[in-house]
Amino acid sequence: MSSDDQVTKPRPIRVPEVLWKAYGEVCDGLGTDRTKDLIAHMRDQITRHGNDQQRAAVDAADQEMADRRARMSPGRPRKTPARPPE
């Protein structure tokens, strides 16, 4: 995979503002957010209706996210703050 394949890119969708707001409120009430809920729905749709290759893509996405999280804090050393001028 190229390094361009290793990022989660924003995916714009057109949604009426009133629907987006109500959906955000429902997600808040469920203790989640729109991103997590949409990803869960996508995974469910692929699991239920996808072919073997598409289901394998879900596994590959899980691995990509696990790899990305492994590179994040606390595994990544903290940057030391610059010293204040003396």
C-alpha atoms as a PDB file:
ATOM      1  CA  MET A   1       0.000   0.000   0.000  1.00  0.00           C
ATOM      2  CA  SER A   2       1.131   3.524  -0.658  1.00  0.00           C
ATOM      3  CA  SER A   3       1.391   5.983   2.196  1.00  0.00           C
ATOM      4  CA  ASP A   4      -1.715   7.679   0.746  1.00  0.00           C
ATOM      5  CA  ASP A   5      -3.656   4.485   1.526  1.00  0.00           C
ATOM      6  CA  GLN A   6      -2.614   4.696   5.185  1.00  0.00           C
ATOM      7  CA  VAL A   7      -4.780   7.661   6.146  1.00  0.00           C
ATOM      8  CA  THR A   8      -8.392   8.091   7.057  1.00  0.00           C
ATOM      9  CA  LYS A   9      -9.627  10.781   4.708  1.00  0.00           C
ATOM     10  CA  PRO A  10     -12.665  12.954   5.327  1.00  0.00           C
ATOM     11  CA  ARG A  11     -15.574  11.809   3.178  1.00  0.00           C
ATOM     12  CA  PRO A  12     -18.041  14.594   2.491  1.00  0.00           C
ATOM     13  CA  ILE A  13     -21.692  13.692   2.253  1.00  0.00           C
ATOM     14  CA  ARG A  14     -24.650  15.950   1.633  1.00  0.00           C
ATOM     15  CA  VAL A  15     -27.115  15.848   4.506  1.00  0.00           C
ATOM     16  CA  PRO A  16     -29.818  18.352   5.373  1.00  0.00           C
ATOM     17  CA  GLU A  17     -28.658  20.338   8.411  1.00  0.00           C
ATOM     18  CA  VAL A  18     -31.769  19.514  10.435  1.00  0.00           C
ATOM     19  CA  LEU A  19     -31.206  15.771   9.865  1.00  0.00           C
ATOM     20  CA  TRP A  20     -27.484  16.032  10.744  1.00  0.00           C
ATOM     21  CA  LYS A  21     -28.304  17.889  13.964  1.00  0.00           C
ATOM     22  CA  ALA A  22     -31.001  15.395  15.009  1.00  0.00           C
ATOM     23  CA  TYR A  23     -28.670  12.489  14.211  1.00  0.00           C
ATOM     24  CA  GLY A  24     -25.949  14.040  16.370  1.00  0.00           C
ATOM     25  CA  GLU A  25     -28.414  14.408  19.246  1.00  0.00           C
ATOM     26  CA  VAL A  26     -29.504  10.772  18.921  1.00  0.00           C
ATOM     27  CA  CYS A  27     -25.883   9.607  18.850  1.00  0.00           C
ATOM     28  CA  ASP A  28     -25.147  11.695  21.959  1.00  0.00           C
ATOM     29  CA  GLY A  29     -28.085  10.008  23.689  1.00  0.00           C
ATOM     30  CA  LEU A  30     -26.665   6.618  22.709  1.00  0.00           C
ATOM     31  CA  GLY A  31     -23.255   7.538  24.122  1.00  0.00           C
ATOM     32  CA  THR A  32     -21.527   7.557  20.740  1.00  0.00           C
ATOM     33  CA  ASP A  33     -20.785  10.019  17.970  1.00  0.00           C
ATOM     34  CA  ARG A  34     -21.795  10.202  14.331  1.00  0.00           C
ATOM     35  CA  THR A  35     -18.460   8.883  13.057  1.00  0.00           C
ATOM     36  CA  LYS A  36     -18.470   5.783  15.254  1.00  0.00           C
ATOM     37  CA  ASP A  37     -22.141   5.135  14.490  1.00  0.00           C
ATOM     38  CA  LEU A  38     -21.688   5.516  10.730  1.00  0.00           C
ATOM     39  CA  ILE A  39     -18.642   3.231  10.726  1.00  0.00           C
ATOM     40  CA  ALA A  40     -20.566   0.620  12.747  1.00  0.00           C
ATOM     41  CA  HIS A  41     -23.408   0.822  10.220  1.00  0.00           C
ATOM     42  CA  MET A  42     -20.995   0.453   7.303  1.00  0.00           C
ATOM     43  CA  ARG A  43     -19.388  -2.602   8.918  1.00  0.00           C
ATOM     44  CA  ASP A  44     -22.823  -4.132   9.544  1.00  0.00           C
ATOM     45  CA  GLN A  45     -23.906  -3.595   5.952  1.00  0.00           C
ATOM     46  CA  ILE A  46     -20.699  -5.151   4.609  1.00  0.00           C
ATOM     47  CA  THR A  47     -20.965  -8.101   7.010  1.00  0.00           C
ATOM     48  CA  ARG A  48     -24.598  -8.736   6.097  1.00  0.00           C
ATOM     49  CA  HIS A  49     -24.532  -8.042   2.362  1.00  0.00           C
ATOM     50  CA  GLY A  50     -20.922  -8.054   1.184  1.00  0.00           C
ATOM     51  CA  ASN A  51     -18.985 -10.730  -0.627  1.00  0.00           C
ATOM     52  CA  ASP A  52     -15.845 -12.428   0.704  1.00  0.00           C
ATOM     53  CA  GLN A  53     -13.556  -9.735  -0.715  1.00  0.00           C
ATOM     54  CA  GLN A  54     -15.602  -6.955   0.842  1.00  0.00           C
ATOM     55  CA  ARG A  55     -15.682  -8.742   4.207  1.00  0.00           C
ATOM     56  CA  ALA A  56     -11.910  -9.133   3.979  1.00  0.00           C
ATOM     57  CA  ALA A  57     -11.714  -5.355   3.518  1.00  0.00           C
ATOM     58  CA  VAL A  58     -13.348  -4.963   6.946  1.00  0.00           C
ATOM     59  CA  ASP A  59     -10.598  -7.129   8.453  1.00  0.00           C
ATOM     60  CA  ALA A  60      -7.936  -5.107   6.622  1.00  0.00           C
ATOM     61  CA  ALA A  61      -9.471  -1.875   7.918  1.00  0.00           C
ATOM     62  CA  ASP A  62      -9.445  -3.252  11.472  1.00  0.00           C
ATOM     63  CA  GLN A  63      -5.765  -4.132  11.100  1.00  0.00           C
ATOM     64  CA  GLU A  64      -4.952  -0.689   9.697  1.00  0.00           C
ATOM     65  CA  MET A  65      -6.642   1.003  12.652  1.00  0.00           C
ATOM     66  CA  ALA A  66      -4.899  -1.311  15.149  1.00  0.00           C
ATOM     67  CA  ASP A  67      -1.543  -0.495  13.535  1.00  0.00           C
ATOM     68  CA  ARG A  68      -2.313   3.222  13.642  1.00  0.00           C
ATOM     69  CA  ARG A  69      -3.334   3.089  17.310  1.00  0.00           C
ATOM     70  CA  ALA A  70      -0.162   1.158  18.168  1.00  0.00           C
ATOM     71  CA  ARG A  71       1.875   4.076  16.799  1.00  0.00           C
ATOM     72  CA  MET A  72      -0.039   6.596  18.899  1.00  0.00           C
ATOM     73  CA  SER A  73       0.449   7.680  22.489  1.00  0.00           C
ATOM     74  CA  PRO A  74       1.365   6.248  24.971  1.00  0.00           C
ATOM     75  CA  GLY A  75       3.651   4.235  22.682  1.00  0.00           C
ATOM     76  CA  ARG A  76       4.972   7.368  21.042  1.00  0.00           C
ATOM     77  CA  PRO A  77       7.458   9.289  23.183  1.00  0.00           C
ATOM     78  CA  ARG A  78       6.318  12.738  24.242  1.00  0.00           C
ATOM     79  CA  LYS A  79       7.949  15.686  22.575  1.00  0.00           C
ATOM     80  CA  THR A  80      10.034  17.579  25.055  1.00  0.00           C
ATOM     81  CA  PRO A  81       8.898  21.179  25.366  1.00  0.00           C
ATOM     82  CA  ALA A  82      11.286  23.848  24.225  1.00  0.00           C
ATOM     83  CA  ARG A  83      13.287  25.380  27.042  1.00  0.00           C
ATOM     84  CA  PRO A  84      12.145  28.843  28.052  1.00  0.00           C
ATOM     85  CA  PRO A  85      14.669  31.611  27.379  1.00  0.00           C
ATOM     86  CA  GLU A  86      16.928  32.308  30.340  1.00  0.00           C
END
